[in-house]
Amino acid sequence: REKNVIKPAPGKRSCNCRNEVYHRQIGPGMYQQITEQVCDKCQNVKFEREGYSLTVEIEKGMKDGQEISFYEDGEPKIDGEAGDLKFRICRAPHDVFKREGNDLHASINITL
């Protein structure tokens, strides 16, 4: 599994804390208004990919649609915590066996 990890970076970053508006004259009677998001409090961050292994243990009798969660192993947000990583069980059809509730059925022709 590889996921983005937030690491500190030099300098400051643009954020939603504060906006500054600049006016610039681009010609006679023509002005341009520029809005820039600037904050002196928010440190700059960068995302780096880190890889590690996860083992998903599927227990006997797990049903279609059940979820296995890994707490805070999801992708992080720039101004928030990482979410949970969830695996949903989806069974694949089988040629011989068919599941009905907690029972496993098979139709097999035998010769006598």
N, C-alpha and C. Protein backbone atom coordinates (compact mmCIF):
# COMPACT_ATOMS: atom_id res chain seq x y z
N ARG A 1 0.85 -1.17 0.00
CA ARG A 1 0.00 0.00 0.00
C ARG A 1 0.88 1.21 0.00
N GLU A 2 0.61 2.13 -0.87
CA GLU A 2 1.28 3.43 -0.87
C GLU A 2 0.24 4.51 -0.62
N LYS A 3 0.61 5.49 0.19
CA LYS A 3 -0.31 6.61 0.42
C LYS A 3 0.50 7.88 0.59
N ASN A 4 -0.17 9.02 0.43
CA ASN A 4 0.46 10.31 0.63
C ASN A 4 0.60 10.58 2.12
N VAL A 5 1.77 11.09 2.50
CA VAL A 5 2.03 11.47 3.89
C VAL A 5 2.43 12.94 3.88
N ILE A 6 1.86 13.72 4.81
CA ILE A 6 2.16 15.15 4.88
C ILE A 6 3.48 15.35 5.61
N LYS A 7 4.41 16.05 4.95
CA LYS A 7 5.72 16.37 5.54
C LYS A 7 5.89 17.88 5.53
N PRO A 8 6.60 18.45 6.51
CA PRO A 8 6.84 19.90 6.50
C PRO A 8 7.75 20.30 5.34
N ALA A 9 7.52 21.51 4.82
CA ALA A 9 8.32 22.06 3.73
C ALA A 9 8.70 23.49 4.11
N PRO A 10 9.77 24.03 3.53
CA PRO A 10 10.16 25.40 3.88
C PRO A 10 9.16 26.43 3.36
N GLY A 11 9.06 27.55 4.06
CA GLY A 11 8.22 28.66 3.63
C GLY A 11 6.80 28.57 4.14
N LYS A 12 5.96 29.45 3.61
CA LYS A 12 4.54 29.51 3.97
C LYS A 12 3.72 29.01 2.80
N ARG A 13 2.44 28.71 3.03
CA ARG A 13 1.59 28.21 1.96
C ARG A 13 0.31 29.03 1.85
N SER A 14 -0.30 28.97 0.68
CA SER A 14 -1.60 29.60 0.48
C SER A 14 -2.65 28.76 1.20
N CYS A 15 -3.60 29.43 1.82
CA CYS A 15 -4.65 28.71 2.53
C CYS A 15 -5.92 29.54 2.49
N ASN A 16 -6.94 29.12 3.20
CA ASN A 16 -8.22 29.82 3.22
C ASN A 16 -8.35 30.74 4.43
N CYS A 17 -7.25 31.04 5.11
CA CYS A 17 -7.31 31.88 6.32
C CYS A 17 -7.54 33.36 5.98
N ARG A 18 -6.77 33.90 5.04
CA ARG A 18 -6.84 35.33 4.78
C ARG A 18 -6.57 35.59 3.30
N ASN A 19 -7.27 36.57 2.72
CA ASN A 19 -7.06 36.98 1.33
C ASN A 19 -6.51 38.39 1.28
N GLU A 20 -5.62 38.64 0.34
CA GLU A 20 -5.13 39.99 0.07
C GLU A 20 -5.50 40.36 -1.36
N VAL A 21 -5.92 41.62 -1.54
CA VAL A 21 -6.34 42.10 -2.86
C VAL A 21 -5.33 43.13 -3.34
N TYR A 22 -4.84 42.96 -4.55
CA TYR A 22 -3.90 43.89 -5.17
C TYR A 22 -4.58 44.52 -6.38
N HIS A 23 -4.30 45.82 -6.62
CA HIS A 23 -4.78 46.51 -7.81
C HIS A 23 -3.57 46.91 -8.64
N ARG A 24 -3.64 46.65 -9.93
CA ARG A 24 -2.53 46.97 -10.82
C ARG A 24 -3.08 47.66 -12.06
N GLN A 25 -2.45 48.75 -12.44
CA GLN A 25 -2.87 49.46 -13.65
C GLN A 25 -2.20 48.79 -14.84
N ILE A 26 -3.03 48.37 -15.79
CA ILE A 26 -2.49 47.69 -16.97
C ILE A 26 -2.61 48.53 -18.23
N GLY A 27 -3.18 49.70 -18.10
CA GLY A 27 -3.30 50.62 -19.23
C GLY A 27 -4.04 51.87 -18.79
N PRO A 28 -4.19 52.86 -19.69
CA PRO A 28 -4.91 54.08 -19.32
C PRO A 28 -6.36 53.77 -18.96
N GLY A 29 -6.71 54.01 -17.71
CA GLY A 29 -8.08 53.78 -17.25
C GLY A 29 -8.42 52.31 -17.05
N MET A 30 -7.44 51.42 -17.16
CA MET A 30 -7.70 49.98 -17.01
C MET A 30 -6.92 49.45 -15.80
N TYR A 31 -7.64 48.83 -14.91
CA TYR A 31 -7.03 48.29 -13.71
C TYR A 31 -7.36 46.79 -13.59
N GLN A 32 -6.45 46.09 -13.00
CA GLN A 32 -6.64 44.66 -12.78
C GLN A 32 -6.64 44.41 -11.27
N GLN A 33 -7.61 43.63 -10.81
CA GLN A 33 -7.70 43.29 -9.40
C GLN A 33 -7.27 41.83 -9.22
N ILE A 34 -6.30 41.60 -8.35
CA ILE A 34 -5.76 40.26 -8.12
C ILE A 34 -6.00 39.90 -6.65
N THR A 35 -6.60 38.75 -6.41
CA THR A 35 -6.82 38.25 -5.05
C THR A 35 -5.87 37.10 -4.81
N GLU A 36 -5.15 37.17 -3.69
CA GLU A 36 -4.18 36.12 -3.36
C GLU A 36 -4.45 35.65 -1.94
N GLN A 37 -4.45 34.34 -1.75
CA GLN A 37 -4.65 33.78 -0.42
C GLN A 37 -3.29 33.68 0.27
N VAL A 38 -3.16 34.43 1.38
CA VAL A 38 -1.89 34.46 2.10
C VAL A 38 -2.17 34.36 3.59
N CYS A 39 -1.34 33.60 4.27
CA CYS A 39 -1.44 33.50 5.72
C CYS A 39 -0.04 33.35 6.28
N ASP A 40 0.27 34.10 7.33
CA ASP A 40 1.59 34.02 7.95
C ASP A 40 1.68 32.90 8.98
N LYS A 41 0.56 32.27 9.31
CA LYS A 41 0.55 31.28 10.36
C LYS A 41 0.68 29.85 9.84
N CYS A 42 0.24 29.59 8.63
CA CYS A 42 0.21 28.22 8.12
C CYS A 42 1.55 27.85 7.49
N GLN A 43 2.14 26.80 8.02
CA GLN A 43 3.40 26.32 7.48
C GLN A 43 3.15 25.59 6.16
N ASN A 44 4.14 25.64 5.30
CA ASN A 44 4.04 24.95 4.02
C ASN A 44 4.20 23.45 4.26
N VAL A 45 3.47 22.66 3.49
CA VAL A 45 3.57 21.21 3.58
C VAL A 45 3.71 20.63 2.18
N LYS A 46 4.21 19.41 2.13
CA LYS A 46 4.29 18.70 0.86
C LYS A 46 3.84 17.27 1.10
N PHE A 47 3.35 16.65 0.03
CA PHE A 47 2.93 15.26 0.11
C PHE A 47 4.05 14.38 -0.42
N GLU A 48 4.38 13.34 0.32
CA GLU A 48 5.35 12.34 -0.13
C GLU A 48 4.69 10.98 -0.08
N ARG A 49 5.03 10.13 -1.05
CA ARG A 49 4.48 8.78 -1.09
C ARG A 49 5.29 7.87 -0.17
N GLU A 50 4.61 7.15 0.69
CA GLU A 50 5.26 6.16 1.54
C GLU A 50 4.53 4.84 1.36
N GLY A 51 5.30 3.79 1.30
CA GLY A 51 4.69 2.48 1.10
C GLY A 51 4.89 1.58 2.30
N TYR A 52 3.91 0.75 2.56
CA TYR A 52 3.98 -0.24 3.62
C TYR A 52 2.96 -1.33 3.30
N SER A 53 3.05 -2.43 3.99
CA SER A 53 2.16 -3.57 3.73
C SER A 53 1.02 -3.61 4.73
N LEU A 54 -0.14 -3.97 4.23
CA LEU A 54 -1.31 -4.21 5.07
C LEU A 54 -1.76 -5.65 4.85
N THR A 55 -2.23 -6.29 5.89
CA THR A 55 -2.78 -7.63 5.77
C THR A 55 -4.27 -7.55 6.08
N VAL A 56 -5.08 -7.94 5.11
CA VAL A 56 -6.53 -7.95 5.29
C VAL A 56 -6.93 -9.38 5.61
N GLU A 57 -7.45 -9.59 6.81
CA GLU A 57 -7.87 -10.92 7.23
C GLU A 57 -9.37 -11.06 7.02
N ILE A 58 -9.75 -11.98 6.15
CA ILE A 58 -11.16 -12.25 5.89
C ILE A 58 -11.54 -13.47 6.73
N GLU A 59 -12.44 -13.25 7.67
CA GLU A 59 -12.84 -14.31 8.59
C GLU A 59 -13.87 -15.23 7.94
N LYS A 60 -13.95 -16.44 8.46
CA LYS A 60 -14.94 -17.40 7.96
C LYS A 60 -16.34 -16.84 8.17
N GLY A 61 -17.18 -17.00 7.18
CA GLY A 61 -18.58 -16.60 7.30
C GLY A 61 -18.86 -15.14 7.02
N MET A 62 -17.86 -14.36 6.60
CA MET A 62 -18.12 -12.94 6.29
C MET A 62 -19.05 -12.87 5.09
N LYS A 63 -19.98 -11.94 5.15
CA LYS A 63 -21.00 -11.82 4.11
C LYS A 63 -20.63 -10.77 3.08
N ASP A 64 -21.29 -10.85 1.95
CA ASP A 64 -21.11 -9.88 0.88
C ASP A 64 -21.50 -8.49 1.37
N GLY A 65 -20.66 -7.51 1.18
CA GLY A 65 -20.96 -6.14 1.58
C GLY A 65 -20.39 -5.74 2.94
N GLN A 66 -19.88 -6.70 3.72
CA GLN A 66 -19.28 -6.35 5.00
C GLN A 66 -17.99 -5.58 4.76
N GLU A 67 -17.62 -4.72 5.72
CA GLU A 67 -16.43 -3.88 5.57
C GLU A 67 -15.39 -4.21 6.63
N ILE A 68 -14.13 -4.10 6.22
CA ILE A 68 -12.99 -4.22 7.13
C ILE A 68 -12.33 -2.85 7.13
N SER A 69 -12.19 -2.23 8.31
CA SER A 69 -11.66 -0.86 8.41
C SER A 69 -10.28 -0.84 9.05
N PHE A 70 -9.44 0.04 8.53
CA PHE A 70 -8.14 0.33 9.12
C PHE A 70 -8.19 1.80 9.55
N TYR A 71 -8.16 2.04 10.86
CA TYR A 71 -8.32 3.37 11.44
C TYR A 71 -7.19 4.30 11.00
N GLU A 72 -7.56 5.46 10.40
CA GLU A 72 -6.65 6.52 9.96
C GLU A 72 -5.56 6.04 9.00
N ASP A 73 -5.87 5.05 8.17
CA ASP A 73 -4.93 4.61 7.14
C ASP A 73 -5.33 5.11 5.76
N GLY A 74 -6.35 5.96 5.68
CA GLY A 74 -6.77 6.53 4.40
C GLY A 74 -5.89 7.70 4.00
N GLU A 75 -6.27 8.37 2.93
CA GLU A 75 -5.50 9.51 2.43
C GLU A 75 -5.69 10.73 3.33
N PRO A 76 -4.61 11.45 3.64
CA PRO A 76 -4.73 12.64 4.49
C PRO A 76 -5.20 13.85 3.69
N LYS A 77 -5.77 14.82 4.41
CA LYS A 77 -6.14 16.10 3.81
C LYS A 77 -5.15 17.14 4.30
N ILE A 78 -5.01 18.23 3.55
CA ILE A 78 -4.00 19.23 3.90
C ILE A 78 -4.31 19.90 5.23
N ASP A 79 -5.56 20.16 5.55
CA ASP A 79 -5.91 20.80 6.81
C ASP A 79 -6.69 19.86 7.72
N GLY A 80 -6.49 18.57 7.58
CA GLY A 80 -7.25 17.63 8.39
C GLY A 80 -6.52 16.33 8.60
N GLU A 81 -7.19 15.45 9.27
CA GLU A 81 -6.62 14.14 9.59
C GLU A 81 -6.88 13.16 8.45
N ALA A 82 -6.14 12.09 8.47
CA ALA A 82 -6.35 11.03 7.49
C ALA A 82 -7.64 10.29 7.84
N GLY A 83 -8.35 9.87 6.81
CA GLY A 83 -9.58 9.11 7.03
C GLY A 83 -9.28 7.63 7.23
N ASP A 84 -10.34 6.86 7.38
CA ASP A 84 -10.19 5.42 7.54
C ASP A 84 -10.10 4.75 6.17
N LEU A 85 -9.33 3.69 6.09
CA LEU A 85 -9.23 2.88 4.88
C LEU A 85 -10.18 1.71 5.05
N LYS A 86 -11.11 1.53 4.09
CA LYS A 86 -12.12 0.49 4.22
C LYS A 86 -12.07 -0.46 3.03
N PHE A 87 -12.16 -1.74 3.32
CA PHE A 87 -12.26 -2.78 2.30
C PHE A 87 -13.66 -3.38 2.40
N ARG A 88 -14.35 -3.48 1.27
CA ARG A 88 -15.69 -4.06 1.24
C ARG A 88 -15.60 -5.45 0.61
N ILE A 89 -16.21 -6.43 1.26
CA ILE A 89 -16.19 -7.81 0.77
C ILE A 89 -17.16 -7.93 -0.40
N CYS A 90 -16.64 -8.39 -1.53
CA CYS A 90 -17.46 -8.67 -2.72
C CYS A 90 -17.09 -10.07 -3.19
N ARG A 91 -18.00 -10.99 -3.04
CA ARG A 91 -17.67 -12.37 -3.41
C ARG A 91 -17.78 -12.54 -4.92
N ALA A 92 -16.92 -13.35 -5.43
CA ALA A 92 -16.92 -13.66 -6.86
C ALA A 92 -17.74 -14.93 -7.08
N PRO A 93 -18.45 -15.01 -8.20
CA PRO A 93 -19.21 -16.24 -8.46
C PRO A 93 -18.27 -17.43 -8.68
N HIS A 94 -18.74 -18.61 -8.28
CA HIS A 94 -17.93 -19.82 -8.41
C HIS A 94 -18.69 -20.81 -9.29
N ASP A 95 -17.96 -21.62 -10.04
CA ASP A 95 -18.59 -22.57 -10.96
C ASP A 95 -19.32 -23.70 -10.23
N VAL A 96 -18.81 -24.13 -9.09
CA VAL A 96 -19.35 -25.30 -8.41
C VAL A 96 -20.17 -24.91 -7.17
N PHE A 97 -19.65 -24.02 -6.35
CA PHE A 97 -20.27 -23.70 -5.07
C PHE A 97 -21.14 -22.45 -5.17
N LYS A 98 -22.24 -22.48 -4.37
CA LYS A 98 -23.13 -21.33 -4.29
C LYS A 98 -23.48 -21.12 -2.82
N ARG A 99 -23.41 -19.87 -2.37
CA ARG A 99 -23.68 -19.57 -0.97
C ARG A 99 -25.11 -19.08 -0.82
N GLU A 100 -25.81 -19.64 0.17
CA GLU A 100 -27.15 -19.20 0.52
C GLU A 100 -27.18 -18.99 2.03
N GLY A 101 -27.09 -17.73 2.45
CA GLY A 101 -27.00 -17.42 3.88
C GLY A 101 -25.67 -17.91 4.42
N ASN A 102 -25.73 -18.76 5.45
CA ASN A 102 -24.51 -19.34 6.01
C ASN A 102 -24.22 -20.73 5.44
N ASP A 103 -25.01 -21.16 4.47
CA ASP A 103 -24.85 -22.49 3.90
C ASP A 103 -24.12 -22.41 2.56
N LEU A 104 -23.38 -23.48 2.27
CA LEU A 104 -22.66 -23.59 1.01
C LEU A 104 -23.25 -24.78 0.26
N HIS A 105 -23.73 -24.55 -0.97
CA HIS A 105 -24.38 -25.59 -1.77
C HIS A 105 -23.55 -25.89 -3.00
N ALA A 106 -23.63 -27.17 -3.42
CA ALA A 106 -22.98 -27.59 -4.66
C ALA A 106 -23.84 -28.67 -5.31
N SER A 107 -23.97 -28.60 -6.62
CA SER A 107 -24.66 -29.64 -7.38
C SER A 107 -23.60 -30.43 -8.13
N ILE A 108 -23.46 -31.70 -7.74
CA ILE A 108 -22.43 -32.54 -8.33
C ILE A 108 -23.09 -33.81 -8.85
N ASN A 109 -22.82 -34.17 -10.09
CA ASN A 109 -23.33 -35.41 -10.68
C ASN A 109 -22.35 -36.53 -10.37
N ILE A 110 -22.89 -37.62 -9.85
CA ILE A 110 -22.04 -38.78 -9.56
C ILE A 110 -22.61 -40.00 -10.29
N THR A 111 -21.76 -40.92 -10.62
CA THR A 111 -22.21 -42.15 -11.29
C THR A 111 -22.36 -43.26 -10.26
N LEU A 112 -23.38 -44.09 -10.46
CA LEU A 112 -23.63 -45.20 -9.54
C LEU A 112 -23.28 -46.51 -10.17
